[in-house]
């Protein structure tokens, strides 16, 4: 009889632990800053973390659709304030620092891309739309292979919105 009373309690405990674990993640999202007539776009990569999770380092890859090219990637305010450095090799980026400072919420990188004219009509500039979906229905810039690490060198789970900046054709 004691087995039956322990089983529901154990199930509740497991569900609670799973919920707590799901909230123990760092989030990365993309946010469009500016769209220019010359088919360039500035996009911020934003870090969202809970107060008890503080990454000391990050790594990710920008996945770009055909027709979108990287013009530059610079460190965001959250990286600079933490005294960290951002280095990128093409679309793969790493935030690191030789200090014991963690990275706070906010912009960690600013990506500048150019969009080929094929994405827009000759009469008007390209339109860019934001999408917060888990699945990609059109070609979008995505955050791939995200990794976060704590000051102790332990891995922190990372969730990305997997694509928010999407070039679309205008009619």
N, C-alpha and C. Protein backbone atom coordinates (compact mmCIF):
# COMPACT_ATOMS: atom_id res chain seq x y z
N UNK A 1 0.82 -1.19 0.00
CA UNK A 1 0.00 0.00 0.00
C UNK A 1 0.86 1.26 0.00
N UNK A 2 2.00 1.24 0.65
CA UNK A 2 2.88 2.40 0.69
C UNK A 2 3.45 2.71 -0.69
N UNK A 3 3.61 1.69 -1.53
CA UNK A 3 4.12 1.90 -2.88
C UNK A 3 3.18 2.80 -3.68
N UNK A 4 1.87 2.62 -3.51
CA UNK A 4 0.91 3.43 -4.25
C UNK A 4 0.91 4.88 -3.81
N UNK A 5 1.17 5.16 -2.53
CA UNK A 5 1.21 6.55 -2.07
C UNK A 5 2.52 7.22 -2.44
N UNK A 6 3.58 6.45 -2.54
CA UNK A 6 4.87 7.02 -2.93
C UNK A 6 4.91 7.31 -4.43
N UNK A 7 4.26 6.49 -5.21
CA UNK A 7 4.31 6.67 -6.66
C UNK A 7 3.77 8.03 -7.11
N UNK A 8 2.56 8.47 -6.68
CA UNK A 8 2.11 9.81 -7.09
C UNK A 8 3.02 10.92 -6.58
N UNK A 9 3.55 10.77 -5.38
CA UNK A 9 4.45 11.78 -4.84
C UNK A 9 5.73 11.85 -5.67
N UNK A 10 6.24 10.70 -6.06
CA UNK A 10 7.46 10.66 -6.88
C UNK A 10 7.20 11.27 -8.25
N UNK A 11 6.03 11.00 -8.84
CA UNK A 11 5.69 11.57 -10.14
C UNK A 11 5.61 13.09 -10.05
N UNK A 12 4.99 13.60 -8.98
CA UNK A 12 4.90 15.06 -8.80
C UNK A 12 6.28 15.67 -8.65
N UNK A 13 7.15 15.00 -7.91
CA UNK A 13 8.51 15.49 -7.72
C UNK A 13 9.27 15.51 -9.04
N UNK A 14 9.11 14.46 -9.86
CA UNK A 14 9.78 14.43 -11.17
C UNK A 14 9.26 15.53 -12.08
N UNK A 15 7.95 15.76 -12.10
CA UNK A 15 7.39 16.82 -12.93
C UNK A 15 7.88 18.19 -12.49
N UNK A 16 7.96 18.41 -11.18
CA UNK A 16 8.47 19.67 -10.64
C UNK A 16 9.93 19.85 -11.02
N UNK A 17 10.73 18.80 -10.90
CA UNK A 17 12.15 18.89 -11.27
C UNK A 17 12.30 19.18 -12.76
N UNK A 18 11.48 18.58 -13.60
CA UNK A 18 11.55 18.83 -15.04
C UNK A 18 11.19 20.27 -15.35
N UNK A 19 10.18 20.80 -14.66
CA UNK A 19 9.80 22.21 -14.87
C UNK A 19 10.91 23.15 -14.42
N UNK A 20 11.51 22.87 -13.28
CA UNK A 20 12.61 23.71 -12.80
C UNK A 20 13.78 23.66 -13.77
N UNK A 21 14.07 22.46 -14.29
CA UNK A 21 15.18 22.31 -15.22
C UNK A 21 14.91 23.08 -16.51
N UNK A 22 13.67 23.10 -16.99
CA UNK A 22 13.34 23.82 -18.22
C UNK A 22 13.51 25.32 -18.04
N UNK A 23 13.29 25.82 -16.81
CA UNK A 23 13.44 27.25 -16.58
C UNK A 23 14.90 27.63 -16.35
N UNK A 24 15.77 26.65 -16.24
CA UNK A 24 17.19 26.88 -16.00
C UNK A 24 17.96 26.94 -17.31
N UNK A 25 17.51 27.79 -18.20
CA UNK A 25 18.17 27.92 -19.50
C UNK A 25 18.49 29.38 -19.78
N UNK A 26 19.39 29.55 -20.72
CA UNK A 26 19.74 30.87 -21.23
C UNK A 26 19.06 30.97 -22.59
N UNK A 27 18.50 32.12 -22.92
CA UNK A 27 17.83 32.30 -24.20
C UNK A 27 18.58 33.26 -25.11
N UNK A 28 18.59 32.95 -26.39
CA UNK A 28 19.15 33.83 -27.41
C UNK A 28 18.07 34.13 -28.44
N UNK A 29 17.89 35.41 -28.75
CA UNK A 29 16.92 35.81 -29.76
C UNK A 29 17.53 36.85 -30.68
N UNK A 30 16.98 36.96 -31.87
CA UNK A 30 17.41 37.95 -32.84
C UNK A 30 16.37 39.06 -32.92
N UNK A 31 16.85 40.29 -33.03
CA UNK A 31 15.96 41.44 -33.12
C UNK A 31 16.47 42.38 -34.21
N UNK A 32 15.62 42.72 -35.17
CA UNK A 32 16.01 43.63 -36.24
C UNK A 32 16.14 45.04 -35.71
N UNK A 33 17.27 45.68 -35.96
CA UNK A 33 17.50 47.05 -35.54
C UNK A 33 17.15 48.05 -36.62
N UNK A 34 17.76 47.88 -37.77
CA UNK A 34 17.61 48.85 -38.85
C UNK A 34 17.58 48.12 -40.19
N UNK A 35 16.78 48.64 -41.09
CA UNK A 35 16.77 48.18 -42.46
C UNK A 35 17.05 49.39 -43.33
N UNK A 36 18.00 49.27 -44.24
CA UNK A 36 18.39 50.40 -45.09
C UNK A 36 17.96 50.18 -46.54
N UNK A 37 17.88 51.27 -47.27
CA UNK A 37 17.47 51.21 -48.67
C UNK A 37 18.47 50.43 -49.52
N UNK A 38 19.72 50.39 -49.11
CA UNK A 38 20.75 49.70 -49.89
C UNK A 38 20.79 48.20 -49.58
N UNK A 39 19.68 47.68 -49.06
CA UNK A 39 19.51 46.25 -48.81
C UNK A 39 20.45 45.72 -47.72
N UNK A 40 20.78 46.55 -46.74
CA UNK A 40 21.52 46.07 -45.58
C UNK A 40 20.60 46.10 -44.37
N UNK A 41 20.95 45.28 -43.39
CA UNK A 41 20.14 45.15 -42.19
C UNK A 41 21.06 44.94 -41.00
N UNK A 42 20.77 45.61 -39.90
CA UNK A 42 21.50 45.41 -38.65
C UNK A 42 20.59 44.63 -37.71
N UNK A 43 21.13 43.55 -37.14
CA UNK A 43 20.35 42.66 -36.29
C UNK A 43 21.10 42.47 -34.98
N UNK A 44 20.40 42.60 -33.87
CA UNK A 44 21.00 42.35 -32.56
C UNK A 44 20.72 40.91 -32.13
N UNK A 45 21.73 40.28 -31.56
CA UNK A 45 21.56 38.99 -30.90
C UNK A 45 21.45 39.29 -29.42
N UNK A 46 20.31 38.96 -28.82
CA UNK A 46 20.03 39.32 -27.44
C UNK A 46 20.12 38.11 -26.52
N UNK A 47 20.69 38.31 -25.33
CA UNK A 47 20.78 37.29 -24.30
C UNK A 47 19.69 37.54 -23.27
N UNK A 48 18.97 36.47 -22.93
CA UNK A 48 17.95 36.51 -21.88
C UNK A 48 18.30 35.41 -20.89
N UNK A 49 18.57 35.77 -19.66
CA UNK A 49 18.92 34.77 -18.66
C UNK A 49 18.19 35.08 -17.37
N UNK A 50 18.00 34.05 -16.56
CA UNK A 50 17.42 34.27 -15.24
C UNK A 50 18.51 34.78 -14.32
N UNK A 51 18.13 35.30 -13.19
CA UNK A 51 19.11 35.91 -12.29
C UNK A 51 20.11 34.90 -11.74
N UNK A 52 19.70 33.61 -11.64
CA UNK A 52 20.63 32.62 -11.08
C UNK A 52 21.51 31.95 -12.14
N UNK A 53 21.26 32.21 -13.41
CA UNK A 53 22.10 31.67 -14.48
C UNK A 53 22.89 32.80 -15.12
N UNK A 54 24.17 32.72 -15.03
CA UNK A 54 25.00 33.79 -15.56
C UNK A 54 26.13 33.20 -16.39
N UNK A 55 26.01 33.24 -17.71
CA UNK A 55 27.09 32.70 -18.53
C UNK A 55 28.32 33.59 -18.52
N UNK A 56 29.48 32.94 -18.52
CA UNK A 56 30.75 33.65 -18.60
C UNK A 56 31.28 33.62 -20.03
N UNK A 57 30.76 32.70 -20.83
CA UNK A 57 31.16 32.58 -22.22
C UNK A 57 30.02 32.03 -23.06
N UNK A 58 30.04 32.35 -24.34
CA UNK A 58 29.00 31.92 -25.28
C UNK A 58 29.61 31.57 -26.62
N UNK A 59 28.92 30.72 -27.35
CA UNK A 59 29.33 30.39 -28.71
C UNK A 59 28.08 30.08 -29.52
N UNK A 60 28.07 30.46 -30.80
CA UNK A 60 26.95 30.19 -31.68
C UNK A 60 27.39 30.35 -33.12
N UNK A 61 26.50 29.98 -34.04
CA UNK A 61 26.72 30.14 -35.47
C UNK A 61 25.48 30.84 -36.05
N UNK A 62 25.70 31.87 -36.86
CA UNK A 62 24.61 32.47 -37.61
C UNK A 62 24.42 31.64 -38.86
N UNK A 63 23.21 31.12 -39.07
CA UNK A 63 22.91 30.37 -40.28
C UNK A 63 22.14 31.30 -41.21
N UNK A 64 22.73 31.56 -42.36
CA UNK A 64 22.17 32.52 -43.29
C UNK A 64 21.59 31.82 -44.52
N UNK A 65 20.43 32.29 -44.99
CA UNK A 65 19.87 31.73 -46.22
C UNK A 65 20.67 32.23 -47.42
N UNK A 66 20.54 31.57 -48.55
CA UNK A 66 21.20 32.05 -49.77
C UNK A 66 20.77 33.48 -50.08
N UNK A 67 21.70 34.29 -50.54
CA UNK A 67 21.38 35.68 -50.88
C UNK A 67 21.59 36.66 -49.75
N UNK A 68 21.96 36.16 -48.56
CA UNK A 68 22.24 37.02 -47.41
C UNK A 68 23.71 36.84 -47.06
N UNK A 69 24.46 37.95 -46.99
CA UNK A 69 25.90 37.88 -46.72
C UNK A 69 26.25 38.76 -45.52
N UNK A 70 27.19 38.28 -44.72
CA UNK A 70 27.65 39.02 -43.55
C UNK A 70 28.57 40.15 -43.97
N UNK A 71 28.25 41.35 -43.53
CA UNK A 71 29.11 42.52 -43.77
C UNK A 71 29.99 42.78 -42.54
N UNK A 72 29.51 42.44 -41.35
CA UNK A 72 30.28 42.64 -40.14
C UNK A 72 29.53 42.15 -38.91
N UNK A 73 30.30 41.81 -37.87
CA UNK A 73 29.73 41.40 -36.59
C UNK A 73 30.53 42.12 -35.52
N UNK A 74 29.84 42.83 -34.63
CA UNK A 74 30.53 43.55 -33.56
C UNK A 74 29.93 43.16 -32.21
N UNK A 75 30.71 43.35 -31.16
CA UNK A 75 30.27 43.02 -29.81
C UNK A 75 29.13 43.94 -29.38
N UNK A 76 28.15 43.37 -28.70
CA UNK A 76 27.04 44.14 -28.17
C UNK A 76 27.39 44.72 -26.81
N UNK A 77 26.52 45.56 -26.29
CA UNK A 77 26.75 46.26 -25.02
C UNK A 77 26.96 45.30 -23.85
N UNK A 78 26.22 44.19 -23.79
CA UNK A 78 26.35 43.25 -22.67
C UNK A 78 27.74 42.61 -22.64
N UNK A 79 28.30 42.35 -23.80
CA UNK A 79 29.64 41.76 -23.90
C UNK A 79 30.69 42.79 -23.48
N UNK A 80 30.56 44.00 -23.99
CA UNK A 80 31.53 45.06 -23.65
C UNK A 80 31.49 45.38 -22.15
N UNK A 81 30.29 45.46 -21.58
CA UNK A 81 30.16 45.77 -20.15
C UNK A 81 30.76 44.68 -19.27
N UNK A 82 30.76 43.45 -19.74
CA UNK A 82 31.34 42.34 -18.98
C UNK A 82 32.86 42.25 -19.17
N UNK A 83 33.41 43.10 -20.02
CA UNK A 83 34.85 43.06 -20.28
C UNK A 83 35.26 41.84 -21.08
N UNK A 84 34.34 41.32 -21.88
CA UNK A 84 34.61 40.14 -22.70
C UNK A 84 34.94 40.57 -24.12
N UNK A 85 35.40 39.61 -24.90
CA UNK A 85 35.71 39.84 -26.32
C UNK A 85 34.81 38.96 -27.17
N UNK A 86 34.48 39.47 -28.34
CA UNK A 86 33.74 38.70 -29.34
C UNK A 86 34.66 38.48 -30.52
N UNK A 87 34.85 37.23 -30.91
CA UNK A 87 35.61 36.90 -32.11
C UNK A 87 34.74 36.02 -32.98
N UNK A 88 34.80 36.27 -34.28
CA UNK A 88 34.02 35.50 -35.23
C UNK A 88 34.90 35.04 -36.37
N UNK A 89 34.68 33.82 -36.79
CA UNK A 89 35.32 33.28 -37.98
C UNK A 89 34.19 33.00 -38.95
N UNK A 90 33.95 33.95 -39.85
CA UNK A 90 32.78 33.84 -40.71
C UNK A 90 31.53 34.04 -39.86
N UNK A 91 30.66 33.04 -39.87
CA UNK A 91 29.39 33.13 -39.13
C UNK A 91 29.47 32.50 -37.74
N UNK A 92 30.60 31.87 -37.39
CA UNK A 92 30.75 31.22 -36.09
C UNK A 92 31.40 32.19 -35.11
N UNK A 93 30.74 32.41 -33.97
CA UNK A 93 31.20 33.43 -33.02
C UNK A 93 31.42 32.85 -31.63
N UNK A 94 32.34 33.48 -30.91
CA UNK A 94 32.70 33.08 -29.56
C UNK A 94 32.86 34.33 -28.70
N UNK A 95 32.24 34.31 -27.52
CA UNK A 95 32.42 35.38 -26.53
C UNK A 95 33.23 34.77 -25.39
N UNK A 96 34.36 35.41 -25.06
CA UNK A 96 35.23 34.90 -24.01
C UNK A 96 35.87 36.08 -23.28
N UNK A 97 36.48 35.77 -22.16
CA UNK A 97 37.20 36.80 -21.41
C UNK A 97 38.05 36.18 -20.33
N UNK A 98 39.14 36.81 -20.04
CA UNK A 98 40.05 36.32 -19.01
C UNK A 98 39.73 37.04 -17.69
N UNK A 99 38.45 37.04 -17.34
CA UNK A 99 38.02 37.65 -16.08
C UNK A 99 36.92 36.79 -15.47
N UNK A 100 36.50 37.13 -14.28
CA UNK A 100 35.46 36.38 -13.58
C UNK A 100 34.13 37.12 -13.63
N UNK A 101 33.88 37.81 -14.72
CA UNK A 101 32.65 38.56 -14.90
C UNK A 101 31.68 37.74 -15.75
N UNK A 102 30.41 37.80 -15.41
CA UNK A 102 29.40 37.12 -16.22
C UNK A 102 28.73 38.12 -17.15
N UNK A 103 28.04 37.60 -18.13
CA UNK A 103 27.39 38.43 -19.15
C UNK A 103 25.94 38.66 -18.73
N UNK A 104 25.53 39.92 -18.71
CA UNK A 104 24.17 40.25 -18.31
C UNK A 104 23.22 40.20 -19.50
N UNK A 105 21.93 40.35 -19.21
CA UNK A 105 20.92 40.40 -20.27
C UNK A 105 21.18 41.58 -21.19
N UNK A 106 20.88 41.39 -22.46
CA UNK A 106 21.03 42.48 -23.41
C UNK A 106 21.70 42.02 -24.68
N UNK A 107 22.09 42.99 -25.52
CA UNK A 107 22.71 42.66 -26.81
C UNK A 107 24.12 42.12 -26.63
N UNK A 108 24.37 40.94 -27.23
CA UNK A 108 25.71 40.37 -27.15
C UNK A 108 26.46 40.51 -28.48
N UNK A 109 25.71 40.71 -29.56
CA UNK A 109 26.35 40.90 -30.86
C UNK A 109 25.42 41.70 -31.77
N UNK A 110 26.03 42.44 -32.69
CA UNK A 110 25.27 43.16 -33.72
C UNK A 110 25.79 42.68 -35.06
N UNK A 111 24.89 42.06 -35.81
CA UNK A 111 25.20 41.47 -37.10
C UNK A 111 24.73 42.43 -38.19
N UNK A 112 25.61 42.76 -39.12
CA UNK A 112 25.22 43.56 -40.28
C UNK A 112 25.29 42.65 -41.50
N UNK A 113 24.17 42.55 -42.21
CA UNK A 113 24.11 41.70 -43.40
C UNK A 113 23.62 42.52 -44.58
N UNK A 114 23.94 42.03 -45.76
CA UNK A 114 23.41 42.61 -46.99
C UNK A 114 22.56 41.56 -47.66
N UNK A 115 21.49 42.02 -48.27
CA UNK A 115 20.55 41.12 -48.92
C UNK A 115 20.60 41.39 -50.42
N UNK A 116 20.81 40.34 -51.21
CA UNK A 116 20.87 40.51 -52.66
C UNK A 116 19.54 41.03 -53.19
N UNK A 117 19.60 41.73 -54.27
CA UNK A 117 18.41 42.35 -54.85
C UNK A 117 17.32 41.35 -55.20
N UNK A 118 17.65 40.09 -55.34
CA UNK A 118 16.65 39.07 -55.67
C UNK A 118 15.57 38.94 -54.61
N UNK A 119 15.84 39.40 -53.40
CA UNK A 119 14.86 39.32 -52.33
C UNK A 119 13.90 40.50 -52.34
N UNK A 120 14.18 41.50 -53.15
CA UNK A 120 13.33 42.70 -53.15
C UNK A 120 13.09 43.15 -54.59
N UNK A 121 12.03 43.85 -54.79
CA UNK A 121 11.77 44.40 -56.12
C UNK A 121 12.66 45.62 -56.34
N UNK A 122 12.82 46.02 -57.57
CA UNK A 122 13.67 47.18 -57.88
C UNK A 122 13.03 48.49 -57.41
N UNK A 123 11.71 48.50 -57.22
CA UNK A 123 11.01 49.74 -56.85
C UNK A 123 11.12 50.08 -55.37
N UNK A 124 11.24 49.07 -54.52
CA UNK A 124 11.27 49.36 -53.08
C UNK A 124 12.31 48.50 -52.40
N UNK A 125 12.67 48.90 -51.21
CA UNK A 125 13.68 48.14 -50.47
C UNK A 125 13.07 46.86 -49.93
N UNK A 126 13.93 45.95 -49.53
CA UNK A 126 13.45 44.68 -48.99
C UNK A 126 12.73 44.90 -47.67
N UNK A 127 11.70 44.11 -47.47
CA UNK A 127 10.98 44.12 -46.20
C UNK A 127 11.54 43.01 -45.34
N UNK A 128 11.60 43.23 -44.06
CA UNK A 128 12.08 42.20 -43.14
C UNK A 128 11.02 41.98 -42.09
N UNK A 129 10.73 40.73 -41.83
CA UNK A 129 9.69 40.40 -40.87
C UNK A 129 10.29 39.59 -39.73
N UNK A 130 9.73 39.76 -38.54
CA UNK A 130 10.19 39.02 -37.38
C UNK A 130 9.26 37.83 -37.14
N UNK A 131 9.86 36.70 -36.85
CA UNK A 131 9.11 35.48 -36.58
C UNK A 131 9.68 34.83 -35.33
N UNK A 132 8.82 34.42 -34.41
CA UNK A 132 9.26 33.74 -33.19
C UNK A 132 8.78 32.31 -33.19
N UNK A 133 8.94 31.60 -34.28
CA UNK A 133 8.47 30.23 -34.39
C UNK A 133 9.63 29.26 -34.25
N UNK A 134 9.30 28.05 -33.81
CA UNK A 134 10.32 27.01 -33.68
C UNK A 134 10.68 26.43 -35.05
N UNK A 135 9.76 26.44 -35.99
CA UNK A 135 10.04 25.89 -37.32
C UNK A 135 10.17 27.00 -38.35
N UNK A 136 11.02 26.76 -39.30
CA UNK A 136 11.25 27.75 -40.34
C UNK A 136 10.31 27.47 -41.50
N UNK A 137 9.49 28.46 -41.87
CA UNK A 137 8.60 28.27 -43.01
C UNK A 137 9.15 28.97 -44.24
N UNK A 138 9.99 29.97 -44.06
CA UNK A 138 10.67 30.66 -45.16
C UNK A 138 12.13 30.77 -44.77
N UNK A 139 12.91 31.26 -45.71
CA UNK A 139 14.32 31.43 -45.41
C UNK A 139 14.50 32.51 -44.36
N UNK A 140 15.19 32.17 -43.29
CA UNK A 140 15.41 33.07 -42.18
C UNK A 140 16.85 32.96 -41.70
N UNK A 141 17.31 34.02 -41.07
CA UNK A 141 18.59 33.97 -40.37
C UNK A 141 18.33 33.23 -39.07
N UNK A 142 19.16 32.23 -38.77
CA UNK A 142 18.95 31.42 -37.58
C UNK A 142 20.18 31.43 -36.69
N UNK A 143 19.96 31.11 -35.42
CA UNK A 143 21.02 30.93 -34.44
C UNK A 143 21.22 29.42 -34.32
N UNK A 144 22.41 28.94 -34.69
CA UNK A 144 22.66 27.52 -34.64
C UNK A 144 23.73 27.17 -33.62
N UNK A 145 23.68 25.95 -33.14
CA UNK A 145 24.67 25.36 -32.25
C UNK A 145 25.04 26.27 -31.06
N UNK A 146 24.05 26.82 -30.33
CA UNK A 146 24.38 27.71 -29.22
C UNK A 146 24.96 26.94 -28.03
N UNK A 147 25.97 27.53 -27.40
CA UNK A 147 26.62 26.95 -26.22
C UNK A 147 26.85 28.08 -25.22
N UNK A 148 26.57 27.81 -23.96
CA UNK A 148 26.88 28.76 -22.89
C UNK A 148 27.63 28.01 -21.80
N UNK A 149 28.54 28.73 -21.13
CA UNK A 149 29.33 28.11 -20.07
C UNK A 149 29.36 29.05 -18.87
N UNK A 150 29.35 28.45 -17.68
CA UNK A 150 29.38 29.21 -16.43
C UNK A 150 30.82 29.58 -16.06
N UNK A 151 30.96 30.36 -15.00
CA UNK A 151 32.30 30.71 -14.51
C UNK A 151 33.07 29.47 -14.08
N UNK A 152 32.35 28.44 -13.65
CA UNK A 152 32.98 27.19 -13.21
C UNK A 152 33.29 26.26 -14.39
N UNK A 153 32.98 26.69 -15.60
CA UNK A 153 33.26 25.88 -16.78
C UNK A 153 32.20 24.84 -17.07
N UNK A 154 31.04 24.96 -16.43
CA UNK A 154 29.96 24.00 -16.65
C UNK A 154 29.03 24.50 -17.74
N UNK A 155 28.51 23.56 -18.50
CA UNK A 155 27.60 23.88 -19.59
C UNK A 155 26.26 24.37 -19.04
N UNK A 156 25.70 25.39 -19.69
CA UNK A 156 24.38 25.93 -19.35
C UNK A 156 23.50 25.70 -20.58
N UNK A 157 22.32 25.09 -20.39
CA UNK A 157 21.44 24.87 -21.54
C UNK A 157 21.03 26.19 -22.19
N UNK A 158 21.01 26.20 -23.53
CA UNK A 158 20.67 27.41 -24.29
C UNK A 158 19.47 27.10 -25.18
N UNK A 159 18.52 28.01 -25.17
CA UNK A 159 17.36 27.92 -26.05
C UNK A 159 17.40 29.12 -26.97
N UNK A 160 17.27 28.88 -28.28
CA UNK A 160 17.22 30.01 -29.22
C UNK A 160 15.87 29.99 -29.91
N UNK A 161 15.42 31.16 -30.33
CA UNK A 161 14.14 31.22 -31.03
C UNK A 161 14.26 30.71 -32.45
N UNK A 162 15.50 30.42 -32.88
CA UNK A 162 15.79 29.78 -34.16
C UNK A 162 15.22 30.50 -35.36
N UNK A 163 15.48 31.76 -35.42
CA UNK A 163 15.15 32.48 -36.64
C UNK A 163 14.14 33.57 -36.41
N UNK A 164 14.53 34.77 -36.65
CA UNK A 164 13.60 35.87 -36.46
C UNK A 164 13.70 36.86 -37.61
N UNK A 165 14.84 37.05 -38.16
CA UNK A 165 15.00 38.04 -39.23
C UNK A 165 14.84 37.34 -40.55
N UNK A 166 13.82 37.71 -41.28
CA UNK A 166 13.48 37.00 -42.50
C UNK A 166 13.32 37.97 -43.67
N UNK A 167 14.20 37.92 -44.67
CA UNK A 167 13.99 38.75 -45.85
C UNK A 167 12.82 38.19 -46.65
N UNK A 168 11.95 39.05 -47.11
CA UNK A 168 10.83 38.59 -47.93
C UNK A 168 10.72 39.48 -49.17
N UNK A 169 10.18 38.94 -50.21
CA UNK A 169 10.03 39.68 -51.45
C UNK A 169 8.87 40.68 -51.32
N UNK A 170 9.05 41.84 -51.90
CA UNK A 170 7.95 42.80 -51.93
C UNK A 170 7.29 42.72 -53.29
N UNK A 171 6.05 43.07 -53.35
CA UNK A 171 5.30 42.96 -54.61
C UNK A 171 5.19 44.27 -55.31
